[in-house]
N, C-alpha and C. Protein backbone atom coordinates (compact mmCIF):
# COMPACT_ATOMS: atom_id res chain seq x y z
N MET A 1 -107.66 -36.53 158.43
CA MET A 1 -106.63 -36.43 157.46
C MET A 1 -105.05 -35.89 158.02
N THR A 2 -105.32 -35.31 159.08
CA THR A 2 -104.16 -35.18 159.72
C THR A 2 -103.60 -36.15 160.55
N GLU A 3 -104.03 -37.19 160.81
CA GLU A 3 -103.59 -38.42 161.33
C GLU A 3 -103.37 -39.27 160.41
N VAL A 4 -103.26 -39.44 158.76
CA VAL A 4 -103.28 -40.48 158.01
C VAL A 4 -101.78 -40.08 157.77
N ALA A 5 -101.11 -41.44 157.39
CA ALA A 5 -99.70 -41.24 157.11
C ALA A 5 -99.46 -40.97 155.78
N SER A 6 -98.34 -40.42 155.39
CA SER A 6 -98.09 -40.03 153.91
C SER A 6 -97.10 -40.73 153.31
N GLN A 7 -97.48 -41.39 152.10
CA GLN A 7 -96.46 -42.64 151.65
C GLN A 7 -95.22 -41.77 151.04
N ARG A 8 -95.11 -40.53 151.11
CA ARG A 8 -94.07 -39.81 150.65
C ARG A 8 -92.82 -39.76 151.46
N PHE A 9 -93.06 -39.62 152.47
CA PHE A 9 -92.49 -39.73 154.18
C PHE A 9 -91.97 -41.04 154.33
N SER A 10 -92.13 -42.26 153.67
CA SER A 10 -92.04 -43.69 154.69
C SER A 10 -90.87 -43.94 154.89
N ASP A 11 -89.99 -43.34 154.45
CA ASP A 11 -88.05 -43.64 154.55
C ASP A 11 -87.66 -42.39 154.52
N PHE A 12 -88.47 -41.45 155.69
CA PHE A 12 -88.11 -40.16 155.94
C PHE A 12 -86.65 -39.91 156.60
N ASP A 13 -86.69 -41.05 157.31
CA ASP A 13 -85.34 -41.61 158.45
C ASP A 13 -83.88 -41.65 157.69
N GLN A 14 -84.24 -41.61 156.80
CA GLN A 14 -83.35 -42.27 155.55
C GLN A 14 -82.69 -40.95 154.79
N TRP A 15 -83.39 -40.06 154.92
CA TRP A 15 -83.29 -38.62 154.01
C TRP A 15 -82.01 -38.15 154.44
N SER A 16 -81.30 -37.32 153.53
CA SER A 16 -80.18 -36.25 154.39
C SER A 16 -80.73 -35.00 155.15
N THR A 17 -79.86 -34.62 155.82
CA THR A 17 -80.93 -33.44 156.64
C THR A 17 -81.32 -32.35 156.21
N ARG A 18 -80.50 -31.89 154.90
CA ARG A 18 -80.98 -31.14 154.05
C ARG A 18 -82.50 -31.54 153.47
N ASP A 19 -82.60 -32.50 152.63
CA ASP A 19 -83.83 -32.90 152.52
C ASP A 19 -84.88 -33.15 153.43
N MET A 20 -84.45 -33.07 154.70
CA MET A 20 -85.40 -33.45 155.56
C MET A 20 -85.80 -31.81 155.90
N VAL A 21 -84.95 -30.80 156.06
CA VAL A 21 -85.51 -29.74 156.60
C VAL A 21 -86.24 -29.05 155.38
N GLU A 22 -85.84 -28.71 153.84
CA GLU A 22 -86.48 -28.55 152.90
C GLU A 22 -88.04 -28.86 152.85
N ALA A 23 -88.47 -30.29 153.50
CA ALA A 23 -89.28 -31.00 153.23
C ALA A 23 -90.34 -30.09 154.36
N MET A 24 -89.88 -30.18 155.60
CA MET A 24 -90.40 -29.38 156.65
C MET A 24 -90.74 -27.99 156.06
N TYR A 25 -90.15 -27.18 155.78
CA TYR A 25 -90.04 -25.98 155.36
C TYR A 25 -91.45 -25.52 154.11
N GLU A 26 -91.27 -26.80 153.31
CA GLU A 26 -92.40 -26.66 152.52
C GLU A 26 -93.77 -27.21 153.18
N GLY A 27 -93.75 -27.92 154.05
CA GLY A 27 -94.72 -28.20 155.39
C GLY A 27 -95.60 -26.64 155.57
N GLN A 28 -94.33 -25.93 156.23
CA GLN A 28 -95.00 -24.75 156.78
C GLN A 28 -95.47 -23.85 155.61
N LEU A 29 -94.98 -23.99 154.15
CA LEU A 29 -95.82 -23.10 153.39
C LEU A 29 -96.94 -23.64 153.15
N VAL A 30 -97.26 -24.72 153.11
CA VAL A 30 -98.45 -25.55 152.77
C VAL A 30 -99.52 -25.11 153.95
N ALA A 31 -99.08 -25.05 155.13
CA ALA A 31 -99.75 -24.22 156.41
C ALA A 31 -100.06 -22.95 156.40
N MET A 32 -99.04 -22.09 155.69
CA MET A 32 -99.77 -20.39 155.61
C MET A 32 -100.73 -20.72 154.46
N ALA A 33 -100.67 -21.49 153.24
CA ALA A 33 -101.50 -21.45 152.32
C ALA A 33 -102.95 -21.54 152.60
N ALA A 34 -103.12 -22.61 153.42
CA ALA A 34 -104.33 -23.04 154.09
C ALA A 34 -104.91 -22.27 155.07
N VAL A 35 -104.06 -21.35 156.05
CA VAL A 35 -104.63 -20.32 156.51
C VAL A 35 -104.92 -19.25 155.78
N LYS A 36 -104.21 -18.92 154.66
CA LYS A 36 -104.63 -17.85 153.74
C LYS A 36 -106.52 -18.12 153.47
N ALA A 37 -106.92 -19.26 153.28
CA ALA A 37 -107.87 -19.96 152.59
C ALA A 37 -109.09 -19.60 153.85
N SER A 38 -108.76 -19.57 154.70
CA SER A 38 -109.74 -19.52 156.08
C SER A 38 -109.73 -18.08 156.57
N LEU A 39 -109.26 -16.34 155.48
CA LEU A 39 -109.09 -15.46 156.12
C LEU A 39 -110.85 -15.32 156.23
N SER A 40 -111.98 -15.36 155.72
CA SER A 40 -113.10 -14.91 155.58
C SER A 40 -113.73 -15.62 156.71
N ALA A 41 -113.54 -16.37 157.11
CA ALA A 41 -114.25 -17.22 158.29
C ALA A 41 -113.60 -16.88 159.06
N LEU A 42 -112.35 -16.33 159.53
CA LEU A 42 -111.69 -15.68 160.64
C LEU A 42 -112.12 -14.29 160.79
N THR A 43 -112.57 -13.38 159.57
CA THR A 43 -113.08 -12.14 159.92
C THR A 43 -114.20 -12.43 160.57
N GLN A 44 -115.23 -13.30 159.92
CA GLN A 44 -116.37 -13.46 160.62
C GLN A 44 -116.45 -13.55 162.30
N ALA A 45 -115.55 -14.69 162.38
CA ALA A 45 -115.49 -15.00 163.71
C ALA A 45 -114.90 -13.67 164.71
N ALA A 46 -113.66 -13.06 164.29
CA ALA A 46 -113.00 -12.06 165.05
C ALA A 46 -114.22 -10.70 165.25
N ASP A 47 -115.25 -10.72 164.11
CA ASP A 47 -116.47 -9.75 164.49
C ASP A 47 -117.55 -10.14 165.36
N ALA A 48 -117.64 -11.38 165.40
CA ALA A 48 -118.58 -11.91 166.43
C ALA A 48 -118.22 -11.73 167.70
N ALA A 49 -117.08 -12.04 167.78
CA ALA A 49 -116.43 -11.62 168.96
C ALA A 49 -116.34 -10.69 169.62
N PHE A 50 -115.70 -9.76 169.12
CA PHE A 50 -115.94 -8.35 169.26
C PHE A 50 -117.35 -7.78 169.89
N ALA A 51 -118.20 -8.28 169.36
CA ALA A 51 -119.95 -7.88 169.74
C ALA A 51 -120.10 -8.44 170.88
N ARG A 52 -119.71 -9.45 171.28
CA ARG A 52 -119.98 -10.08 172.76
C ARG A 52 -118.79 -9.77 173.76
N LEU A 53 -117.82 -9.35 173.38
CA LEU A 53 -116.36 -8.90 174.19
C LEU A 53 -116.81 -7.47 174.86
N LYS A 54 -117.52 -6.63 173.83
CA LYS A 54 -117.57 -5.40 174.12
C LYS A 54 -118.89 -5.13 175.17
N HIS A 55 -119.37 -6.27 175.76
CA HIS A 55 -120.15 -6.07 176.73
C HIS A 55 -119.68 -6.72 177.97
N GLY A 56 -118.21 -6.90 177.95
CA GLY A 56 -117.75 -7.74 179.44
C GLY A 56 -117.67 -9.09 179.52
N GLY A 57 -117.56 -9.54 178.17
CA GLY A 57 -117.27 -11.04 178.25
C GLY A 57 -116.20 -11.33 178.62
N ARG A 58 -115.87 -12.86 178.57
CA ARG A 58 -114.68 -13.31 178.77
C ARG A 58 -113.94 -14.39 177.63
N LEU A 59 -112.79 -14.10 177.58
CA LEU A 59 -112.30 -15.24 176.43
C LEU A 59 -112.06 -16.61 177.25
N VAL A 60 -112.44 -17.65 176.21
CA VAL A 60 -112.30 -18.69 176.84
C VAL A 60 -111.36 -20.02 175.99
N TYR A 61 -110.31 -20.32 176.35
CA TYR A 61 -109.67 -21.19 175.23
C TYR A 61 -109.46 -22.43 175.77
N VAL A 62 -110.09 -23.53 174.86
CA VAL A 62 -110.08 -24.65 175.08
C VAL A 62 -109.45 -25.62 174.22
N GLY A 63 -108.72 -26.48 174.82
CA GLY A 63 -107.77 -27.80 174.08
C GLY A 63 -107.27 -28.86 174.79
N ALA A 64 -106.70 -29.49 174.04
CA ALA A 64 -105.93 -30.84 174.17
C ALA A 64 -104.60 -31.19 173.62
N GLY A 65 -103.55 -31.31 174.39
CA GLY A 65 -102.49 -31.46 173.70
C GLY A 65 -101.52 -30.31 173.04
N THR A 66 -101.20 -30.71 172.18
CA THR A 66 -100.50 -29.17 171.16
C THR A 66 -101.29 -27.88 170.97
N SER A 67 -102.53 -28.57 170.46
CA SER A 67 -103.84 -27.86 170.42
C SER A 67 -104.06 -26.66 171.86
N GLY A 68 -103.84 -27.18 172.84
CA GLY A 68 -104.57 -26.62 174.12
C GLY A 68 -103.29 -25.62 174.61
N ARG A 69 -101.96 -26.15 174.56
CA ARG A 69 -101.12 -25.56 174.50
C ARG A 69 -100.68 -24.18 173.69
N LEU A 70 -100.86 -24.48 172.60
CA LEU A 70 -101.03 -23.24 171.75
C LEU A 70 -102.37 -22.17 172.17
N ALA A 71 -103.18 -22.62 172.51
CA ALA A 71 -104.51 -21.91 172.99
C ALA A 71 -103.97 -20.88 174.17
N VAL A 72 -103.41 -22.04 175.13
CA VAL A 72 -102.94 -21.01 176.20
C VAL A 72 -102.22 -20.04 175.96
N GLN A 73 -101.09 -20.52 175.33
CA GLN A 73 -99.85 -19.36 174.85
C GLN A 73 -100.45 -18.30 174.81
N ASP A 74 -101.56 -18.01 173.63
CA ASP A 74 -102.41 -16.84 172.91
C ASP A 74 -102.96 -16.23 173.84
N GLY A 75 -103.20 -16.82 175.05
CA GLY A 75 -104.38 -16.08 175.83
C GLY A 75 -103.58 -15.65 177.03
N ALA A 76 -102.45 -16.19 177.17
CA ALA A 76 -101.47 -15.81 178.40
C ALA A 76 -100.77 -14.39 177.78
N GLU A 77 -100.67 -13.93 176.25
CA GLU A 77 -100.28 -12.94 175.75
C GLU A 77 -100.99 -11.65 176.21
N LEU A 78 -102.25 -11.97 176.13
CA LEU A 78 -102.97 -10.90 176.25
C LEU A 78 -102.91 -9.69 177.35
N GLY A 79 -102.71 -10.20 178.37
CA GLY A 79 -102.09 -9.59 179.58
C GLY A 79 -101.55 -8.14 178.95
N PRO A 80 -99.88 -8.74 178.99
CA PRO A 80 -98.82 -7.82 178.58
C PRO A 80 -98.67 -7.06 177.41
N THR A 81 -99.52 -7.58 176.40
CA THR A 81 -99.60 -7.40 174.93
C THR A 81 -100.94 -5.85 175.01
N PHE A 82 -102.03 -6.47 175.51
CA PHE A 82 -103.27 -5.71 175.43
C PHE A 82 -103.68 -4.89 176.63
N GLY A 83 -103.19 -5.58 177.76
CA GLY A 83 -103.94 -5.00 178.96
C GLY A 83 -105.19 -5.86 179.54
N TRP A 84 -105.13 -6.68 178.80
CA TRP A 84 -106.34 -7.50 179.25
C TRP A 84 -106.56 -8.06 180.21
N SER A 85 -107.40 -7.90 180.98
CA SER A 85 -107.63 -8.73 182.79
C SER A 85 -107.80 -9.85 182.76
N GLU A 86 -107.13 -10.46 183.73
CA GLU A 86 -107.16 -11.88 183.97
C GLU A 86 -108.17 -12.47 184.21
N ASP A 87 -109.31 -11.49 184.99
CA ASP A 87 -110.22 -12.06 185.28
C ASP A 87 -111.64 -11.92 184.36
N ARG A 88 -110.79 -11.79 182.91
CA ARG A 88 -111.73 -11.81 181.58
C ARG A 88 -111.00 -13.04 180.67
N LEU A 89 -110.50 -13.67 181.43
CA LEU A 89 -109.40 -14.68 180.69
C LEU A 89 -109.74 -16.33 181.75
N VAL A 90 -109.92 -17.34 180.52
CA VAL A 90 -110.25 -18.51 181.37
C VAL A 90 -109.52 -19.58 180.36
N PHE A 91 -109.04 -20.49 181.09
CA PHE A 91 -108.23 -21.64 180.12
C PHE A 91 -108.93 -22.93 180.74
N CYS A 92 -109.33 -23.73 179.59
CA CYS A 92 -110.08 -24.94 179.83
C CYS A 92 -109.04 -26.14 179.17
N MET A 93 -108.25 -26.94 179.41
CA MET A 93 -106.95 -27.79 179.44
C MET A 93 -107.37 -29.31 179.53
N ALA A 94 -107.52 -30.19 178.66
CA ALA A 94 -107.19 -31.25 179.24
C ALA A 94 -106.45 -31.89 179.85
N GLY A 95 -106.99 -32.41 181.14
CA GLY A 95 -105.92 -32.77 181.69
C GLY A 95 -105.60 -31.88 182.90
N GLY A 96 -105.95 -30.58 182.77
CA GLY A 96 -105.55 -29.62 183.52
C GLY A 96 -104.31 -28.78 183.31
N LEU A 97 -103.71 -27.92 183.83
CA LEU A 97 -102.98 -27.17 183.47
C LEU A 97 -101.42 -27.59 183.40
N GLU A 98 -101.39 -28.63 184.22
CA GLU A 98 -100.20 -29.31 184.48
C GLU A 98 -99.92 -30.43 183.19
N ALA A 99 -100.94 -30.21 182.23
CA ALA A 99 -100.52 -30.74 180.78
C ALA A 99 -99.97 -29.95 179.67
N LEU A 100 -99.84 -28.53 180.26
CA LEU A 100 -98.61 -27.42 179.50
C LEU A 100 -97.44 -28.13 179.46
N THR A 101 -96.80 -28.98 180.54
CA THR A 101 -95.61 -28.96 180.27
C THR A 101 -95.56 -30.90 180.36
N LEU A 102 -96.51 -31.54 180.39
CA LEU A 102 -96.43 -32.86 181.09
C LEU A 102 -97.61 -33.60 180.12
N SER A 103 -96.77 -34.41 179.51
CA SER A 103 -98.30 -35.47 178.73
C SER A 103 -99.08 -35.72 179.69
N ALA A 104 -100.59 -35.58 179.16
CA ALA A 104 -101.75 -36.36 179.99
C ALA A 104 -102.36 -37.07 178.66
N GLU A 105 -102.04 -38.28 178.47
CA GLU A 105 -102.34 -39.39 177.92
C GLU A 105 -103.92 -39.91 178.10
N GLY A 106 -104.75 -39.46 177.09
CA GLY A 106 -106.11 -40.18 177.51
C GLY A 106 -107.08 -39.08 177.97
N ALA A 107 -106.41 -37.89 178.53
CA ALA A 107 -107.32 -36.93 178.74
C ALA A 107 -107.70 -36.24 177.81
N GLU A 108 -107.74 -36.14 176.12
CA GLU A 108 -108.18 -35.57 175.57
C GLU A 108 -109.59 -36.08 175.32
N ASP A 109 -109.72 -37.63 175.62
CA ASP A 109 -111.06 -38.30 175.29
C ASP A 109 -111.94 -38.29 176.35
N ILE A 110 -111.82 -37.50 177.43
CA ILE A 110 -112.70 -37.60 178.40
C ILE A 110 -113.92 -36.26 178.18
N TYR A 111 -115.00 -36.47 177.64
CA TYR A 111 -116.18 -35.51 176.87
C TYR A 111 -116.40 -34.93 178.35
N GLU A 112 -116.44 -35.56 179.02
CA GLU A 112 -117.16 -35.00 180.22
C GLU A 112 -116.53 -34.02 181.22
N ASP A 113 -115.11 -34.10 181.12
CA ASP A 113 -114.16 -33.14 181.51
C ASP A 113 -114.29 -31.98 181.19
N GLY A 114 -114.70 -31.57 179.65
CA GLY A 114 -114.59 -30.57 179.09
C GLY A 114 -115.85 -30.10 179.46
N VAL A 115 -117.24 -30.68 179.90
CA VAL A 115 -118.50 -30.04 180.07
C VAL A 115 -117.89 -29.60 181.50
N ALA A 116 -117.73 -30.39 182.42
CA ALA A 116 -117.05 -29.78 184.00
C ALA A 116 -116.32 -28.70 183.74
N GLN A 117 -115.45 -28.69 183.20
CA GLN A 117 -114.34 -27.42 182.96
C GLN A 117 -115.37 -26.33 182.75
N ILE A 118 -115.92 -26.28 181.65
CA ILE A 118 -117.06 -25.39 181.34
C ILE A 118 -117.90 -24.77 182.33
N SER A 119 -118.78 -25.69 183.18
CA SER A 119 -119.55 -25.67 183.77
C SER A 119 -118.74 -24.98 185.38
N ALA A 120 -117.60 -25.46 185.57
CA ALA A 120 -117.31 -24.68 186.88
C ALA A 120 -116.53 -23.22 186.40
N ALA A 121 -116.60 -22.99 184.93
CA ALA A 121 -116.25 -21.53 184.98
C ALA A 121 -117.49 -20.34 184.87
N ASN A 122 -118.43 -21.37 185.05
CA ASN A 122 -119.79 -20.37 185.01
C ASN A 122 -119.99 -19.28 183.65
N ILE A 123 -119.70 -20.17 182.34
CA ILE A 123 -119.86 -19.67 180.93
C ILE A 123 -120.87 -19.02 180.88
N GLU A 124 -121.26 -17.90 180.15
CA GLU A 124 -122.13 -17.04 180.15
C GLU A 124 -122.42 -16.91 178.52
N LYS A 125 -123.44 -16.21 178.20
CA LYS A 125 -123.70 -15.55 177.08
C LYS A 125 -122.85 -14.54 176.31
N ASN A 126 -122.19 -13.69 177.05
CA ASN A 126 -120.85 -12.84 176.73
C ASN A 126 -120.12 -13.53 176.68
N ASP A 127 -119.49 -14.65 176.88
CA ASP A 127 -118.31 -15.27 177.29
C ASP A 127 -118.34 -15.64 175.63
N VAL A 128 -116.76 -15.82 174.99
CA VAL A 128 -116.35 -16.21 173.50
C VAL A 128 -115.83 -17.32 174.16
N VAL A 129 -115.91 -18.73 173.62
CA VAL A 129 -115.22 -19.72 173.70
C VAL A 129 -114.27 -20.04 172.49
N ILE A 130 -113.21 -20.31 172.25
CA ILE A 130 -112.52 -20.74 171.33
C ILE A 130 -111.94 -22.41 171.74
N GLY A 131 -112.63 -23.14 170.97
CA GLY A 131 -111.86 -24.44 170.79
C GLY A 131 -110.93 -24.63 169.87
N VAL A 132 -110.09 -25.23 170.01
CA VAL A 132 -108.74 -25.56 168.90
C VAL A 132 -108.55 -27.11 168.75
N ALA A 133 -108.60 -28.01 167.79
CA ALA A 133 -108.53 -28.97 167.73
C ALA A 133 -108.15 -29.31 166.32
N ALA A 134 -106.80 -30.30 166.16
CA ALA A 134 -106.72 -30.37 164.79
C ALA A 134 -107.49 -31.43 164.01
N SER A 135 -107.80 -32.56 164.96
CA SER A 135 -108.45 -33.48 164.33
C SER A 135 -110.04 -32.83 164.17
N GLY A 136 -110.63 -31.90 164.98
CA GLY A 136 -111.65 -31.33 164.97
C GLY A 136 -112.42 -32.19 165.41
N CYS A 137 -112.41 -33.11 166.53
CA CYS A 137 -113.63 -34.34 167.12
C CYS A 137 -112.72 -34.50 168.37
N THR A 138 -112.04 -33.91 168.99
CA THR A 138 -111.58 -34.50 170.12
C THR A 138 -112.41 -34.39 171.30
N PRO A 139 -112.67 -35.17 172.08
CA PRO A 139 -113.87 -35.10 172.62
C PRO A 139 -113.97 -34.37 173.96
N PHE A 140 -112.79 -33.94 174.59
CA PHE A 140 -112.45 -32.94 175.38
C PHE A 140 -113.27 -31.75 174.92
N THR A 141 -112.74 -31.12 173.75
CA THR A 141 -112.80 -29.81 173.41
C THR A 141 -114.28 -29.67 172.80
N LEU A 142 -114.68 -31.19 172.42
CA LEU A 142 -116.35 -30.82 171.85
C LEU A 142 -117.64 -31.28 173.16
N GLY A 143 -116.98 -31.67 174.19
CA GLY A 143 -117.60 -31.49 175.24
C GLY A 143 -117.80 -29.86 176.01
N ALA A 144 -116.68 -29.37 175.80
CA ALA A 144 -116.58 -28.14 176.16
C ALA A 144 -117.73 -27.15 175.24
N LEU A 145 -117.18 -27.44 173.78
CA LEU A 145 -118.12 -26.23 172.96
C LEU A 145 -119.58 -26.61 173.35
N ASN A 146 -120.14 -28.00 173.29
CA ASN A 146 -121.22 -28.01 173.50
C ASN A 146 -121.85 -27.61 174.69
N GLU A 147 -121.04 -27.78 175.86
CA GLU A 147 -121.24 -27.27 176.89
C GLU A 147 -121.92 -25.66 176.87
N ALA A 148 -120.54 -24.96 176.57
CA ALA A 148 -120.72 -23.34 176.36
C ALA A 148 -121.90 -23.03 175.52
N LYS A 149 -122.00 -23.82 174.30
CA LYS A 149 -123.07 -23.28 173.67
C LYS A 149 -124.39 -23.55 174.17
N ALA A 150 -124.60 -24.64 175.12
CA ALA A 150 -125.80 -24.71 175.72
C ALA A 150 -126.16 -23.36 176.82
N ARG A 151 -125.45 -22.96 176.99
CA ARG A 151 -125.45 -21.63 178.04
C ARG A 151 -125.21 -20.56 177.17
N GLY A 152 -125.04 -20.44 176.14
CA GLY A 152 -125.71 -19.19 175.33
C GLY A 152 -124.31 -18.74 174.91
N ALA A 153 -123.34 -19.29 175.17
CA ALA A 153 -121.89 -18.29 174.72
C ALA A 153 -121.61 -18.88 173.23
N LEU A 154 -120.87 -17.66 172.85
CA LEU A 154 -120.23 -17.42 171.17
C LEU A 154 -119.33 -18.88 171.45
N CYS A 155 -119.24 -19.65 170.45
CA CYS A 155 -118.33 -20.59 170.10
C CYS A 155 -117.35 -20.60 168.91
N LEU A 156 -116.56 -20.76 168.88
CA LEU A 156 -115.33 -20.47 167.88
C LEU A 156 -114.52 -21.67 167.79
N GLY A 157 -114.52 -22.35 166.67
CA GLY A 157 -113.73 -23.72 166.58
C GLY A 157 -112.46 -23.32 165.59
N ILE A 158 -111.29 -24.09 165.90
CA ILE A 158 -110.22 -23.93 164.86
C ILE A 158 -109.67 -25.10 164.97
N ILE A 159 -109.86 -25.48 163.44
CA ILE A 159 -109.62 -26.96 163.20
C ILE A 159 -108.85 -26.99 161.74
N ASN A 160 -108.66 -28.41 161.87
CA ASN A 160 -107.68 -28.95 160.33
C ASN A 160 -108.27 -29.99 159.48
N ASN A 161 -109.57 -30.58 160.11
CA ASN A 161 -110.01 -31.33 159.14
C ASN A 161 -111.60 -31.06 159.03
N PRO A 162 -111.87 -30.98 157.09
CA PRO A 162 -113.26 -30.51 157.30
C PRO A 162 -114.33 -31.74 157.75
N ASP A 163 -115.61 -31.19 157.59
CA ASP A 163 -116.44 -31.90 157.83
C ASP A 163 -116.26 -32.63 159.15
N ALA A 164 -115.91 -32.12 160.50
CA ALA A 164 -115.42 -32.37 161.63
C ALA A 164 -116.62 -32.09 162.53
N PRO A 165 -116.66 -32.74 163.47
CA PRO A 165 -117.85 -32.33 164.71
C PRO A 165 -117.85 -30.83 165.32
N ILE A 166 -116.77 -30.71 165.64
CA ILE A 166 -116.51 -29.14 166.37
C ILE A 166 -116.87 -28.54 164.93
N GLY A 167 -116.79 -28.47 164.13
CA GLY A 167 -117.28 -27.50 163.12
C GLY A 167 -118.48 -27.31 163.22
N GLY A 168 -119.16 -28.70 163.43
CA GLY A 168 -120.86 -28.24 163.34
C GLY A 168 -121.39 -27.63 164.50
N VAL A 169 -120.46 -27.67 165.56
CA VAL A 169 -120.75 -27.22 166.72
C VAL A 169 -120.75 -25.77 166.67
N ALA A 170 -119.45 -25.10 166.37
CA ALA A 170 -119.12 -23.74 166.68
C ALA A 170 -120.10 -23.10 165.76
N ASP A 171 -120.20 -21.56 165.98
CA ASP A 171 -120.79 -20.79 165.64
C ASP A 171 -120.43 -20.36 164.58
N HIS A 172 -118.81 -20.43 164.82
CA HIS A 172 -118.04 -20.02 163.52
C HIS A 172 -116.87 -20.85 163.48
N ALA A 173 -116.79 -21.84 162.57
CA ALA A 173 -115.44 -22.55 162.33
C ALA A 173 -114.54 -22.13 161.44
N ILE A 174 -113.36 -21.94 162.16
CA ILE A 174 -111.99 -21.61 161.05
C ILE A 174 -111.22 -22.85 160.99
N LEU A 175 -111.80 -23.11 159.44
CA LEU A 175 -110.98 -24.60 159.12
C LEU A 175 -109.68 -24.41 158.28
N ALA A 176 -108.49 -24.95 158.54
CA ALA A 176 -106.94 -24.53 157.65
C ALA A 176 -106.57 -25.87 157.54
N GLN A 177 -106.73 -26.42 156.24
CA GLN A 177 -107.05 -27.91 155.66
C GLN A 177 -105.53 -28.22 155.35
N THR A 178 -104.84 -28.57 156.85
CA THR A 178 -103.24 -28.82 156.01
C THR A 178 -102.84 -30.08 155.83
N GLY A 179 -104.01 -31.18 156.14
CA GLY A 179 -103.50 -32.33 155.37
C GLY A 179 -102.76 -33.24 156.34
N SER A 180 -102.21 -34.34 156.05
CA SER A 180 -101.58 -35.16 156.52
C SER A 180 -99.75 -34.84 157.20
N GLU A 181 -99.44 -35.06 157.94
CA GLU A 181 -98.24 -34.58 158.67
C GLU A 181 -96.90 -35.06 158.39
N LEU A 182 -95.82 -34.91 158.00
CA LEU A 182 -94.62 -35.37 157.75
C LEU A 182 -94.30 -36.87 158.70
N ILE A 183 -94.25 -36.38 159.75
CA ILE A 183 -94.51 -37.20 160.99
C ILE A 183 -96.03 -37.57 161.06
N ALA A 184 -96.45 -38.61 160.91
CA ALA A 184 -97.66 -39.12 160.85
C ALA A 184 -98.55 -38.72 162.30
N GLY A 185 -99.41 -37.81 162.30
CA GLY A 185 -100.19 -37.81 163.55
C GLY A 185 -99.39 -36.59 164.30
N SER A 186 -98.34 -36.30 163.87
CA SER A 186 -97.46 -34.93 164.73
C SER A 186 -97.85 -33.60 164.18
N THR A 187 -99.42 -33.43 164.98
CA THR A 187 -99.70 -32.22 164.48
C THR A 187 -99.36 -30.87 165.09
N ARG A 188 -98.12 -31.19 166.04
CA ARG A 188 -97.29 -30.06 166.27
C ARG A 188 -96.81 -29.08 164.95
N MET A 189 -96.82 -29.79 163.63
CA MET A 189 -96.10 -29.38 162.68
C MET A 189 -96.68 -28.41 161.60
N LYS A 190 -97.84 -29.03 160.73
CA LYS A 190 -98.10 -28.17 159.83
C LYS A 190 -99.45 -27.77 160.60
N ALA A 191 -100.01 -28.66 160.96
CA ALA A 191 -101.57 -28.32 161.75
C ALA A 191 -101.06 -27.09 162.98
N GLY A 192 -100.02 -27.54 163.54
CA GLY A 192 -99.83 -26.29 164.71
C GLY A 192 -99.33 -25.06 164.11
N THR A 193 -98.63 -24.69 163.32
CA THR A 193 -98.22 -23.58 162.59
C THR A 193 -99.35 -22.83 162.05
N ALA A 194 -100.77 -23.49 161.51
CA ALA A 194 -101.89 -22.89 160.97
C ALA A 194 -102.75 -22.35 162.30
N GLN A 195 -102.48 -23.23 163.35
CA GLN A 195 -103.02 -22.90 164.67
C GLN A 195 -102.84 -21.55 165.32
N LYS A 196 -101.28 -21.45 165.32
CA LYS A 196 -100.63 -20.48 165.74
C LYS A 196 -101.05 -19.40 164.95
N ALA A 197 -101.13 -19.35 164.14
CA ALA A 197 -100.80 -18.15 162.82
C ALA A 197 -102.67 -17.92 163.15
N ILE A 198 -103.93 -18.45 163.19
CA ILE A 198 -105.07 -18.08 163.28
C ILE A 198 -105.04 -17.57 164.92
N LEU A 199 -104.75 -18.10 165.64
CA LEU A 199 -104.83 -17.63 166.95
C LEU A 199 -104.29 -15.92 167.38
N ASN A 200 -103.07 -15.98 166.48
CA ASN A 200 -102.26 -14.74 166.61
C ASN A 200 -103.33 -13.60 165.94
N MET A 201 -103.59 -13.91 164.63
CA MET A 201 -104.74 -12.78 164.10
C MET A 201 -105.80 -12.67 164.72
N LEU A 202 -106.83 -13.72 164.94
CA LEU A 202 -107.49 -13.87 165.47
C LEU A 202 -107.86 -12.61 166.96
N SER A 203 -106.98 -13.05 167.63
CA SER A 203 -106.87 -12.43 169.08
C SER A 203 -106.35 -10.94 168.93
N THR A 204 -105.73 -10.29 167.95
CA THR A 204 -104.96 -9.31 167.63
C THR A 204 -106.05 -8.66 167.19
N ALA A 205 -106.83 -9.11 166.08
CA ALA A 205 -108.15 -8.28 165.33
C ALA A 205 -109.17 -8.27 166.66
N ILE A 206 -109.49 -9.03 167.47
CA ILE A 206 -110.50 -8.66 168.34
C ILE A 206 -109.92 -7.85 169.66
N MET A 207 -108.57 -7.80 169.91
CA MET A 207 -108.01 -6.72 170.84
C MET A 207 -108.29 -5.33 170.15
N THR A 208 -107.74 -5.49 168.59
CA THR A 208 -107.87 -4.00 168.21
C THR A 208 -109.07 -3.39 167.89
N ARG A 209 -110.19 -4.16 167.64
CA ARG A 209 -111.57 -4.06 167.65
C ARG A 209 -111.84 -2.96 169.00
N LEU A 210 -111.33 -3.71 169.93
CA LEU A 210 -112.05 -3.50 171.49
C LEU A 210 -111.02 -2.24 171.87
N GLY A 211 -110.42 -1.51 171.22
CA GLY A 211 -109.46 -0.33 171.04
C GLY A 211 -108.38 -0.42 172.19
N ARG A 212 -107.91 -1.57 171.93
CA ARG A 212 -106.56 -2.09 173.20
C ARG A 212 -105.28 -2.04 172.10
N VAL A 213 -105.37 -1.18 171.22
CA VAL A 213 -103.93 -1.09 170.31
C VAL A 213 -103.76 0.21 170.12
């Protein structure tokens, strides 16, 4: 659904700037309504993550493209905000951390790289792996979560499409069903807003439960 073009915006480039901005604002409200619908799943995920991390596990952020960048951004703030140690933080980004600022076309399609990055990080049972993917089927992220689950880690999935493979693999799937984007496939928009909000709430709830607030 996130990749499907909406006929409503087929002539978007001919709209007035004000109409463009109004439509984009409306999309942000849709995104936050989708987040509200995910709060029960988010709560369960936060409590499950706390139960693992209180035993010394690590937080592992996994993603590709916009989803990966948002995941890394969330993790990078845990140190300055909550005093979370760098040695309890792992980033698995499709295309490597260079892909934070440069496009890594095709990297998201390499399932084996997701597996390899989790393996290289020696993920174990007390670790919590957060996979973020708007489509819910990104091969890199799916590979990482499958490998992490096989190693006994707790797997959380943040997705924007229902009935997606990552939702089936994750121990806790947090679905924010944001629908099609104003610019077809540009999941940095509604889907990205929802992902950022969920990551904010998820990590803050976990850190607060761990006594870091």
